[in-house]
Protein backbone atom coordinates (compact mmCIF):
# COMPACT_ATOMS: atom_id res chain seq x y z
CA MET A 1 34.21 1.46 195.95
CA SER A 2 33.12 -0.36 199.08
CA LEU A 3 31.85 -3.88 199.18
CA ALA A 4 28.82 -2.88 201.28
CA SER A 5 27.33 -0.89 198.38
CA TRP A 6 27.21 -4.06 196.33
CA PHE A 7 25.18 -6.00 198.86
CA ARG A 8 22.83 -3.23 200.01
CA TRP A 9 23.51 -3.78 203.69
CA ASN A 10 23.19 -0.08 204.33
CA GLU A 11 19.56 0.15 203.27
CA PRO A 12 16.92 0.36 205.99
CA PRO A 13 14.86 -2.81 206.38
CA SER A 14 11.76 -2.73 204.26
CA ARG A 15 8.36 -3.26 205.79
CA ILE A 16 6.92 -6.74 205.66
CA SER A 17 3.90 -6.20 203.48
CA GLN A 18 1.91 -3.23 202.29
CA LYS A 19 -1.06 -5.28 201.14
CA SER A 20 -4.65 -4.44 201.86
CA PRO A 21 -6.74 -6.82 203.97
CA THR A 22 -8.67 -7.88 200.86
CA GLU A 23 -5.46 -8.81 199.05
CA MET A 24 -4.33 -10.79 202.09
CA VAL A 25 -7.64 -12.68 202.18
CA VAL A 26 -7.45 -13.51 198.47
CA GLU A 27 -3.85 -14.65 198.78
CA THR A 28 -4.55 -16.77 201.86
CA LEU A 29 -7.62 -18.45 200.40
CA MET A 30 -5.96 -19.14 197.06
CA MET A 31 -2.92 -20.65 198.83
CA GLU A 32 -5.31 -22.93 200.73
CA LEU A 33 -6.95 -23.96 197.44
CA SER A 34 -3.55 -24.67 195.91
CA TRP A 35 -2.47 -26.75 198.90
CA GLN A 36 -5.70 -28.74 198.99
CA THR A 37 -5.40 -29.37 195.24
CA LYS A 38 -1.90 -30.77 195.74
CA GLN A 39 -3.11 -32.96 198.59
CA ALA A 40 -6.04 -34.27 196.55
CA GLU A 41 -3.70 -35.05 193.68
CA LYS A 42 -1.36 -36.90 196.02
CA GLN A 43 -4.23 -38.93 197.47
CA GLN A 44 -5.51 -39.70 193.98
CA ARG A 45 -2.06 -41.01 192.98
CA GLU A 46 -1.93 -43.15 196.11
CA ARG A 47 -5.37 -44.62 195.31
CA GLU A 48 -4.26 -45.36 191.75
CA ASN A 49 -1.10 -47.09 193.03
CA GLU A 50 -3.14 -49.20 195.44
CA TYR A 51 -5.49 -50.14 192.62
CA ARG A 52 -2.53 -51.12 190.39
CA LYS A 53 -1.03 -53.20 193.21
CA ILE A 54 -4.28 -55.06 193.66
CA LYS A 55 -4.80 -55.50 189.92
CA THR A 56 -1.26 -56.62 188.96
CA GLY A 57 -0.03 -57.97 192.27
CA VAL A 58 3.31 -56.14 191.81
CA ASP A 59 4.41 -52.81 193.29
CA TYR A 60 6.25 -50.63 190.79
CA GLY A 61 5.63 -47.46 192.81
CA TRP A 62 9.30 -47.02 193.57
CA LEU A 63 10.01 -46.87 189.84
CA VAL A 64 7.47 -44.17 188.99
CA SER A 65 8.39 -40.50 189.21
CA TYR A 66 5.58 -37.98 189.34
CA PRO A 67 5.63 -34.33 188.29
CA LYS A 68 5.31 -31.76 191.07
CA GLN A 69 1.76 -30.80 190.14
CA SER A 70 0.12 -31.91 186.93
CA TYR A 71 -3.35 -30.46 187.50
CA ASP A 72 -3.91 -26.72 187.39
CA ILE A 73 -7.09 -24.66 187.53
CA SER A 74 -7.97 -22.85 184.32
CA PRO A 75 -7.16 -19.11 184.29
CA GLY A 76 -10.83 -18.15 183.86
CA GLU A 77 -11.91 -20.24 186.82
CA ARG A 78 -9.01 -18.91 188.90
CA LEU A 79 -10.11 -15.33 188.17
CA GLN A 80 -13.69 -16.15 189.15
CA LEU A 81 -12.53 -17.71 192.41
CA GLU A 82 -10.28 -14.73 193.17
CA ASP A 83 -13.22 -12.41 192.50
CA MET A 84 -15.34 -14.43 194.93
CA CYS A 85 -12.52 -14.25 197.49
CA THR A 86 -12.56 -10.44 197.33
CA LYS A 87 -16.14 -10.49 198.65
CA ILE A 88 -15.08 -12.35 201.81
CA HIS A 89 -14.55 -10.14 204.86
CA PRO A 90 -11.19 -10.72 206.59
CA SER A 91 -12.92 -11.89 209.77
CA TYR A 92 -14.50 -14.76 207.79
CA CYS A 93 -11.28 -15.99 206.21
CA GLY A 94 -10.62 -18.60 208.90
CA ALA A 95 -14.21 -19.81 208.82
CA VAL A 96 -14.05 -20.27 205.05
CA ILE A 97 -10.84 -22.29 205.34
CA LEU A 98 -12.36 -24.48 208.07
CA ARG A 99 -15.52 -25.09 206.05
CA PHE A 100 -13.45 -25.89 202.95
CA ARG A 101 -11.38 -28.41 204.92
CA GLN A 102 -14.56 -29.97 206.30
CA LEU A 103 -15.91 -30.39 202.77
CA ILE A 104 -12.61 -31.93 201.63
CA ALA A 105 -12.61 -34.38 204.55
CA GLU A 106 -16.27 -35.23 204.03
CA TYR A 107 -16.23 -35.86 200.28
CA GLU A 108 -12.59 -36.90 199.63
CA PRO A 109 -12.83 -35.37 196.15
CA GLU A 110 -10.89 -36.01 192.98
CA VAL A 111 -8.50 -33.24 191.95
CA GLN A 112 -10.96 -31.73 189.50
CA GLU A 113 -13.66 -31.43 192.17
CA VAL A 114 -11.59 -29.45 194.68
CA SER A 115 -12.25 -26.09 193.04
CA ARG A 116 -16.02 -26.75 193.07
CA LEU A 117 -15.92 -27.48 196.79
CA PHE A 118 -13.90 -24.29 197.29
CA ARG A 119 -16.49 -22.34 195.32
CA SER A 120 -19.32 -23.75 197.46
CA ALA A 121 -17.48 -22.81 200.67
CA LEU A 122 -17.03 -19.27 199.33
CA GLN A 123 -20.71 -19.04 198.35
CA GLU A 124 -21.82 -20.19 201.81
CA ALA A 125 -19.65 -17.55 203.44
CA ALA A 126 -20.84 -14.82 201.05
CA GLU A 127 -24.49 -15.71 201.78
CA LYS A 128 -23.83 -15.67 205.51
CA ILE A 129 -22.13 -12.27 205.26
CA LYS A 130 -25.06 -10.94 203.22
CA GLU A 131 -27.60 -12.24 205.76
CA GLU A 132 -25.70 -10.66 208.64
CA GLU A 133 -25.47 -7.33 206.82
CA GLU A 134 -29.22 -7.40 206.16
CA ALA A 135 -29.88 -8.24 209.81
CA LYS A 136 -27.70 -5.32 210.91
CA LYS A 137 -29.48 -3.04 208.46
CA LEU A 138 -32.88 -4.12 209.78
CA ALA A 139 -31.68 -3.66 213.35
CA ARG A 140 -30.52 -0.13 212.54
CA GLN A 141 -33.85 0.64 210.87
CA TRP A 142 -35.72 -0.79 213.84
CA ASN A 143 -33.67 1.29 216.27
CA THR A 144 -34.33 4.49 214.33
CA LYS A 145 -38.05 3.69 214.09
CA ASN A 146 -38.23 3.01 217.81
CA LYS A 147 -36.61 6.32 218.64
CA THR A 148 -39.04 8.25 216.48
CA SER A 149 -42.13 6.44 217.78
CA LEU A 150 -41.12 6.67 221.43
CA SER A 151 -43.46 9.61 221.99
CA LEU A 152 -46.35 7.58 220.59
CA THR A 153 -45.67 4.68 222.92
CA THR A 154 -45.64 6.94 225.97
CA PHE A 155 -48.92 8.51 224.82
CA LYS A 156 -50.49 5.09 224.33
CA SER A 157 -49.33 3.85 227.70
CA ARG A 158 -51.25 6.61 229.49
CA SER A 159 -54.63 5.34 228.28
CA ARG A 160 -55.72 2.20 230.07
CA ILE A 161 -58.32 -0.24 228.89
CA SER A 162 -60.35 -2.07 231.47
CA PRO A 163 -62.44 -4.90 230.03
CA PHE A 164 -64.89 -5.01 232.98
CA ILE A 165 -65.75 -1.33 233.18
CA SER A 166 -67.47 -0.03 230.10
CA ASP A 167 -69.38 3.17 229.50
CA ILE A 168 -70.10 2.19 225.91
CA LYS A 169 -73.58 0.78 225.37
CA THR A 170 -73.90 -2.04 222.89
CA ILE A 171 -76.84 -3.56 221.10
CA SER A 172 -76.35 -6.91 222.78
CA GLU A 173 -76.75 -5.33 226.24
CA ASP A 174 -80.07 -3.81 225.21
CA VAL A 175 -81.30 -7.13 223.85
CA GLU A 176 -80.15 -9.01 226.93
CA ARG A 177 -81.93 -6.59 229.27
CA GLY A 178 -85.27 -7.10 227.51
CA THR A 179 -85.33 -10.88 227.86
CA GLN A 180 -85.69 -13.03 230.93
CA PRO A 181 -82.78 -15.31 231.69
CA THR A 182 -83.52 -18.92 231.02
CA ARG A 183 -83.18 -21.49 233.77
CA ARG A 184 -80.10 -23.62 233.60
CA VAL A 185 -79.92 -27.36 233.91
CA TRP A 186 -79.88 -28.37 237.57
CA SER A 187 -76.23 -29.64 237.33
CA MET A 188 -74.98 -26.26 236.17
CA PRO A 189 -74.78 -23.33 238.58
CA GLU A 190 -76.82 -20.28 237.71
CA PHE A 191 -74.94 -17.05 237.18
CA ARG A 192 -76.86 -13.81 237.36
CA ASN A 193 -75.82 -10.25 236.96
CA ALA A 194 -75.86 -8.26 240.17
CA LYS A 195 -77.60 -5.03 239.22
């Protein structure tokens, strides 16, 4: 028996990843949430240490050992966030991450608040995607309506309306013809119809 069979060196290299774009988006966004949660926890610990230093006047930070990550999102909330991530189009993944980072930098949240900021960034992106889809739908409807009514617009453009030439007799013309024009005040010029 050869040694190569034990280590599987003979096998062809497997492909990198056979994940769908939606799975990649969910994984990327959830990794960002996890990383931001760790960073928020680290900053919270640093703030607590600074507060203790100020309060006691002694730095025991070198003595304290912290667990890797003590805060974790509840499974129900994680499932809800993953479900929201599935609604994000892959082209918006970067924009969601940037908006989430902006919110983190703006609010400097506690660890428990990070998931709420993430949820709001996802909701903003979902609303934006929905608005753009509706705009595209309206544009498509408008384009199809314009194509069907093109014959009507060409028909309408053939008839011209001239406001100064009128063959239609109105009541006001008949009334005006029967009365004598009144004289204007001497400062105003007098306009008369040339008949």
